[in-house]
């Protein structure tokens, strides 16, 4: 007895292209959001971007290998440095350092 499978390729194509279009739209939206960021990010920009409080931002800057302030101006960071740091950072390492700091 042979197993027969009936596949409606038109439905698969439609679903696949629909999912692909959604993924592309989401990715495009993220890229546009990144490109719309100012070249120099302030503490307020970072708090909004990371959705964190002042105290968490201060810990992040002090604990991690967070980028240095832009031209030494406190609370101002070069966008590209922050984005590179985000790509390269290990959030688990930051959480562990934060846990140790809180236990002191």
N, C-alpha and C. Protein backbone atom coordinates (compact mmCIF):
# COMPACT_ATOMS: atom_id res chain seq x y z
N UNK A 1 0.84 -1.17 0.00
CA UNK A 1 0.00 0.00 0.00
C UNK A 1 0.89 1.24 0.00
N UNK A 2 0.67 2.04 -0.95
CA UNK A 2 1.46 3.25 -1.08
C UNK A 2 0.79 4.40 -0.35
N UNK A 3 1.62 5.18 0.32
CA UNK A 3 1.09 6.37 0.96
C UNK A 3 1.11 7.50 -0.04
N UNK A 4 0.00 8.11 -0.16
CA UNK A 4 -0.09 9.23 -1.07
C UNK A 4 -0.26 10.50 -0.25
N UNK A 5 0.49 11.48 -0.64
CA UNK A 5 0.32 12.77 0.04
C UNK A 5 -0.11 13.78 -1.00
N UNK A 6 -1.11 14.46 -0.63
CA UNK A 6 -1.60 15.51 -1.52
C UNK A 6 -1.22 16.84 -0.92
N UNK A 7 -0.40 17.53 -1.61
CA UNK A 7 0.08 18.82 -1.15
C UNK A 7 -0.40 19.87 -2.12
N UNK A 8 -0.98 20.85 -1.57
CA UNK A 8 -1.42 21.96 -2.39
C UNK A 8 -0.28 22.98 -2.41
N UNK A 9 0.51 22.95 -3.45
CA UNK A 9 1.68 23.82 -3.52
C UNK A 9 1.32 25.30 -3.57
N UNK A 10 0.18 25.61 -4.11
CA UNK A 10 -0.24 27.01 -4.14
C UNK A 10 -0.45 27.55 -2.73
N UNK A 11 -1.05 26.74 -1.88
CA UNK A 11 -1.27 27.16 -0.49
C UNK A 11 0.07 27.30 0.22
N UNK A 12 0.98 26.34 0.03
CA UNK A 12 2.30 26.42 0.64
C UNK A 12 3.06 27.65 0.17
N UNK A 13 3.01 27.91 -1.12
CA UNK A 13 3.68 29.09 -1.66
C UNK A 13 3.11 30.37 -1.04
N UNK A 14 1.81 30.44 -0.97
CA UNK A 14 1.16 31.63 -0.41
C UNK A 14 1.54 31.82 1.04
N UNK A 15 1.49 30.74 1.83
CA UNK A 15 1.84 30.84 3.25
C UNK A 15 3.32 31.19 3.42
N UNK A 16 4.18 30.54 2.63
CA UNK A 16 5.61 30.81 2.73
C UNK A 16 5.93 32.26 2.39
N UNK A 17 5.38 32.75 1.31
CA UNK A 17 5.66 34.13 0.91
C UNK A 17 5.06 35.13 1.89
N UNK A 18 3.95 34.78 2.47
CA UNK A 18 3.34 35.64 3.48
C UNK A 18 4.24 35.74 4.71
N UNK A 19 4.74 34.59 5.17
CA UNK A 19 5.65 34.58 6.33
C UNK A 19 6.94 35.31 6.00
N UNK A 20 7.48 35.07 4.82
CA UNK A 20 8.71 35.72 4.40
C UNK A 20 8.53 37.24 4.35
N UNK A 21 7.42 37.69 3.82
CA UNK A 21 7.15 39.12 3.73
C UNK A 21 7.06 39.74 5.13
N UNK A 22 6.42 39.04 6.06
CA UNK A 22 6.30 39.53 7.44
C UNK A 22 7.69 39.66 8.07
N UNK A 23 8.53 38.65 7.90
CA UNK A 23 9.90 38.69 8.45
C UNK A 23 10.69 39.84 7.84
N UNK A 24 10.58 40.02 6.55
CA UNK A 24 11.29 41.12 5.88
C UNK A 24 10.79 42.48 6.36
N UNK A 25 9.49 42.61 6.54
CA UNK A 25 8.93 43.86 7.05
C UNK A 25 9.42 44.16 8.46
N UNK A 26 9.45 43.12 9.32
CA UNK A 26 9.95 43.30 10.69
C UNK A 26 11.41 43.72 10.69
N UNK A 27 12.22 43.05 9.86
CA UNK A 27 13.64 43.35 9.80
C UNK A 27 13.87 44.77 9.27
N UNK A 28 13.11 45.16 8.25
CA UNK A 28 13.22 46.51 7.69
C UNK A 28 12.85 47.55 8.73
N UNK A 29 11.81 47.27 9.50
CA UNK A 29 11.40 48.19 10.56
C UNK A 29 12.50 48.37 11.61
N UNK A 30 13.16 47.27 11.98
CA UNK A 30 14.26 47.35 12.94
C UNK A 30 15.43 48.16 12.38
N UNK A 31 15.75 47.92 11.11
CA UNK A 31 16.85 48.67 10.49
C UNK A 31 16.54 50.16 10.42
N UNK A 32 15.31 50.50 10.08
CA UNK A 32 14.92 51.90 10.02
C UNK A 32 14.98 52.54 11.41
N UNK A 33 14.57 51.80 12.42
CA UNK A 33 14.62 52.33 13.79
C UNK A 33 16.07 52.61 14.20
N UNK A 34 16.98 51.73 13.83
CA UNK A 34 18.40 51.93 14.15
C UNK A 34 18.93 53.13 13.39
N UNK A 35 18.58 53.24 12.12
CA UNK A 35 19.08 54.36 11.32
C UNK A 35 18.51 55.69 11.77
N UNK A 36 17.35 55.68 12.43
CA UNK A 36 16.75 56.91 12.90
C UNK A 36 17.31 57.37 14.25
N UNK A 37 18.14 56.55 14.87
CA UNK A 37 18.78 56.96 16.12
C UNK A 37 19.76 58.09 15.83
N UNK A 38 19.90 59.02 16.77
CA UNK A 38 20.90 60.08 16.57
C UNK A 38 22.31 59.49 16.61
N UNK A 39 23.26 60.21 16.02
CA UNK A 39 24.65 59.73 16.00
C UNK A 39 25.25 59.64 17.39
N UNK A 40 24.82 60.53 18.27
CA UNK A 40 25.28 60.52 19.66
C UNK A 40 24.07 60.26 20.55
N UNK A 41 24.15 59.20 21.34
CA UNK A 41 23.04 58.83 22.21
C UNK A 41 23.27 59.38 23.62
N UNK A 42 22.23 59.93 24.20
CA UNK A 42 22.31 60.41 25.57
C UNK A 42 21.81 59.31 26.51
N UNK A 43 21.93 59.57 27.81
CA UNK A 43 21.41 58.61 28.79
C UNK A 43 19.92 58.38 28.58
N UNK A 44 19.18 59.43 28.27
CA UNK A 44 17.74 59.27 28.03
C UNK A 44 17.47 58.38 26.82
N UNK A 45 18.27 58.55 25.76
CA UNK A 45 18.12 57.68 24.58
C UNK A 45 18.37 56.22 24.95
N UNK A 46 19.41 55.98 25.75
CA UNK A 46 19.76 54.62 26.14
C UNK A 46 18.68 54.00 27.03
N UNK A 47 18.16 54.79 27.96
CA UNK A 47 17.10 54.27 28.83
C UNK A 47 15.87 53.88 28.00
N UNK A 48 15.54 54.68 27.02
CA UNK A 48 14.40 54.38 26.16
C UNK A 48 14.70 53.17 25.27
N UNK A 49 15.91 53.11 24.72
CA UNK A 49 16.29 52.02 23.84
C UNK A 49 16.33 50.68 24.57
N UNK A 50 16.94 50.67 25.76
CA UNK A 50 17.07 49.43 26.53
C UNK A 50 15.87 49.18 27.45
N UNK A 51 15.01 50.20 27.61
CA UNK A 51 13.85 50.12 28.50
C UNK A 51 14.30 49.78 29.92
N UNK A 52 15.20 50.62 30.44
CA UNK A 52 15.75 50.42 31.78
C UNK A 52 15.68 51.73 32.57
N UNK A 53 15.89 51.63 33.87
CA UNK A 53 15.84 52.79 34.75
C UNK A 53 17.21 53.47 34.81
N UNK A 54 17.25 54.63 35.48
CA UNK A 54 18.51 55.35 35.68
C UNK A 54 19.53 54.47 36.40
N UNK A 55 19.08 53.84 37.48
CA UNK A 55 20.02 53.05 38.29
C UNK A 55 20.58 51.87 37.50
N UNK A 56 19.74 51.22 36.71
CA UNK A 56 20.22 50.10 35.90
C UNK A 56 21.19 50.58 34.83
N UNK A 57 20.91 51.71 34.23
CA UNK A 57 21.83 52.27 33.25
C UNK A 57 23.17 52.60 33.89
N UNK A 58 23.14 53.18 35.08
CA UNK A 58 24.40 53.49 35.77
C UNK A 58 25.20 52.23 36.06
N UNK A 59 24.52 51.17 36.49
CA UNK A 59 25.22 49.90 36.73
C UNK A 59 25.78 49.34 35.44
N UNK A 60 25.02 49.42 34.39
CA UNK A 60 25.45 48.91 33.09
C UNK A 60 26.74 49.61 32.64
N UNK A 61 26.77 50.92 32.79
CA UNK A 61 27.93 51.69 32.37
C UNK A 61 29.14 51.36 33.25
N UNK A 62 28.91 51.17 34.54
CA UNK A 62 30.01 50.92 35.47
C UNK A 62 30.51 49.48 35.42
N UNK A 63 29.60 48.52 35.24
CA UNK A 63 29.98 47.12 35.32
C UNK A 63 30.54 46.55 34.03
N UNK A 64 29.91 46.86 32.94
CA UNK A 64 30.28 46.23 31.69
C UNK A 64 31.41 46.95 30.98
N UNK A 65 31.73 46.41 29.85
CA UNK A 65 32.72 47.06 28.98
C UNK A 65 31.97 48.02 28.06
N UNK A 66 31.14 48.84 28.69
CA UNK A 66 30.32 49.78 27.94
C UNK A 66 31.21 50.80 27.27
N UNK A 67 30.84 51.28 26.09
CA UNK A 67 31.67 52.26 25.38
C UNK A 67 31.92 53.52 26.23
N UNK A 68 33.07 54.09 26.00
CA UNK A 68 33.43 55.33 26.71
C UNK A 68 32.55 56.48 26.24
N UNK A 69 32.45 57.48 27.07
CA UNK A 69 31.68 58.67 26.72
C UNK A 69 32.26 59.31 25.47
N UNK A 70 31.39 59.89 24.70
CA UNK A 70 31.78 60.57 23.46
C UNK A 70 32.55 61.83 23.80
N UNK A 71 33.80 61.89 23.37
CA UNK A 71 34.69 63.01 23.62
C UNK A 71 34.72 63.42 25.09
N UNK A 72 34.54 62.44 25.97
CA UNK A 72 34.60 62.70 27.39
C UNK A 72 33.39 63.43 27.96
N UNK A 73 32.36 63.62 27.17
CA UNK A 73 31.16 64.30 27.64
C UNK A 73 30.28 63.28 28.35
N UNK A 74 30.12 63.46 29.64
CA UNK A 74 29.37 62.51 30.47
C UNK A 74 27.94 62.34 29.95
N UNK A 75 27.52 61.07 29.86
CA UNK A 75 26.15 60.77 29.45
C UNK A 75 25.90 60.85 27.96
N UNK A 76 26.96 60.90 27.15
CA UNK A 76 26.82 60.94 25.70
C UNK A 76 27.71 59.85 25.10
N UNK A 77 27.11 59.03 24.22
CA UNK A 77 27.81 57.87 23.67
C UNK A 77 27.60 57.81 22.17
N UNK A 78 28.63 57.44 21.44
CA UNK A 78 28.53 57.32 19.99
C UNK A 78 27.63 56.13 19.64
N UNK A 79 26.64 56.37 18.82
CA UNK A 79 25.65 55.35 18.45
C UNK A 79 26.31 54.07 17.95
N UNK A 80 27.26 54.19 17.04
CA UNK A 80 27.87 53.00 16.46
C UNK A 80 28.64 52.19 17.50
N UNK A 81 29.27 52.87 18.47
CA UNK A 81 29.96 52.16 19.55
C UNK A 81 28.97 51.37 20.40
N UNK A 82 27.83 51.99 20.70
CA UNK A 82 26.80 51.32 21.50
C UNK A 82 26.23 50.12 20.74
N UNK A 83 25.96 50.28 19.45
CA UNK A 83 25.42 49.17 18.66
C UNK A 83 26.43 48.03 18.56
N UNK A 84 27.71 48.35 18.38
CA UNK A 84 28.74 47.31 18.36
C UNK A 84 28.80 46.59 19.70
N UNK A 85 28.73 47.36 20.79
CA UNK A 85 28.76 46.76 22.13
C UNK A 85 27.56 45.82 22.31
N UNK A 86 26.39 46.23 21.83
CA UNK A 86 25.20 45.39 21.95
C UNK A 86 25.40 44.06 21.21
N UNK A 87 25.98 44.11 20.04
CA UNK A 87 26.19 42.89 19.25
C UNK A 87 27.20 41.96 19.92
N UNK A 88 28.20 42.53 20.57
CA UNK A 88 29.29 41.74 21.13
C UNK A 88 29.11 41.37 22.59
N UNK A 89 28.19 42.03 23.28
CA UNK A 89 28.09 41.83 24.73
C UNK A 89 27.43 40.51 25.09
N UNK A 90 27.75 40.08 26.29
CA UNK A 90 27.19 38.85 26.84
C UNK A 90 26.31 39.23 28.02
N UNK A 91 25.00 39.17 27.83
CA UNK A 91 24.08 39.61 28.89
C UNK A 91 24.16 38.71 30.11
N UNK A 92 24.50 37.45 29.93
CA UNK A 92 24.63 36.56 31.08
C UNK A 92 25.80 36.98 31.97
N UNK A 93 26.89 37.40 31.36
CA UNK A 93 28.04 37.89 32.12
C UNK A 93 27.66 39.13 32.92
N UNK A 94 26.91 40.04 32.30
CA UNK A 94 26.48 41.24 33.01
C UNK A 94 25.58 40.88 34.19
N UNK A 95 24.65 39.96 33.99
CA UNK A 95 23.75 39.55 35.08
C UNK A 95 24.54 38.96 36.25
N UNK A 96 25.55 38.15 35.93
CA UNK A 96 26.37 37.55 36.99
C UNK A 96 27.14 38.62 37.76
N UNK A 97 27.72 39.57 37.07
CA UNK A 97 28.43 40.65 37.74
C UNK A 97 27.48 41.46 38.61
N UNK A 98 26.30 41.71 38.12
CA UNK A 98 25.31 42.46 38.88
C UNK A 98 24.89 41.70 40.13
N UNK A 99 24.73 40.39 40.02
CA UNK A 99 24.37 39.55 41.17
C UNK A 99 25.45 39.61 42.24
N UNK A 100 26.70 39.53 41.80
CA UNK A 100 27.83 39.60 42.75
C UNK A 100 27.87 40.97 43.42
N UNK A 101 27.67 42.01 42.66
CA UNK A 101 27.68 43.36 43.22
C UNK A 101 26.58 43.53 44.27
N UNK A 102 25.41 43.02 43.99
CA UNK A 102 24.29 43.13 44.93
C UNK A 102 24.52 42.33 46.19
N UNK A 103 25.30 41.26 46.11
CA UNK A 103 25.53 40.41 47.28
C UNK A 103 26.55 41.01 48.23
N UNK A 104 27.28 42.03 47.81
CA UNK A 104 28.29 42.64 48.67
C UNK A 104 27.69 43.50 49.74
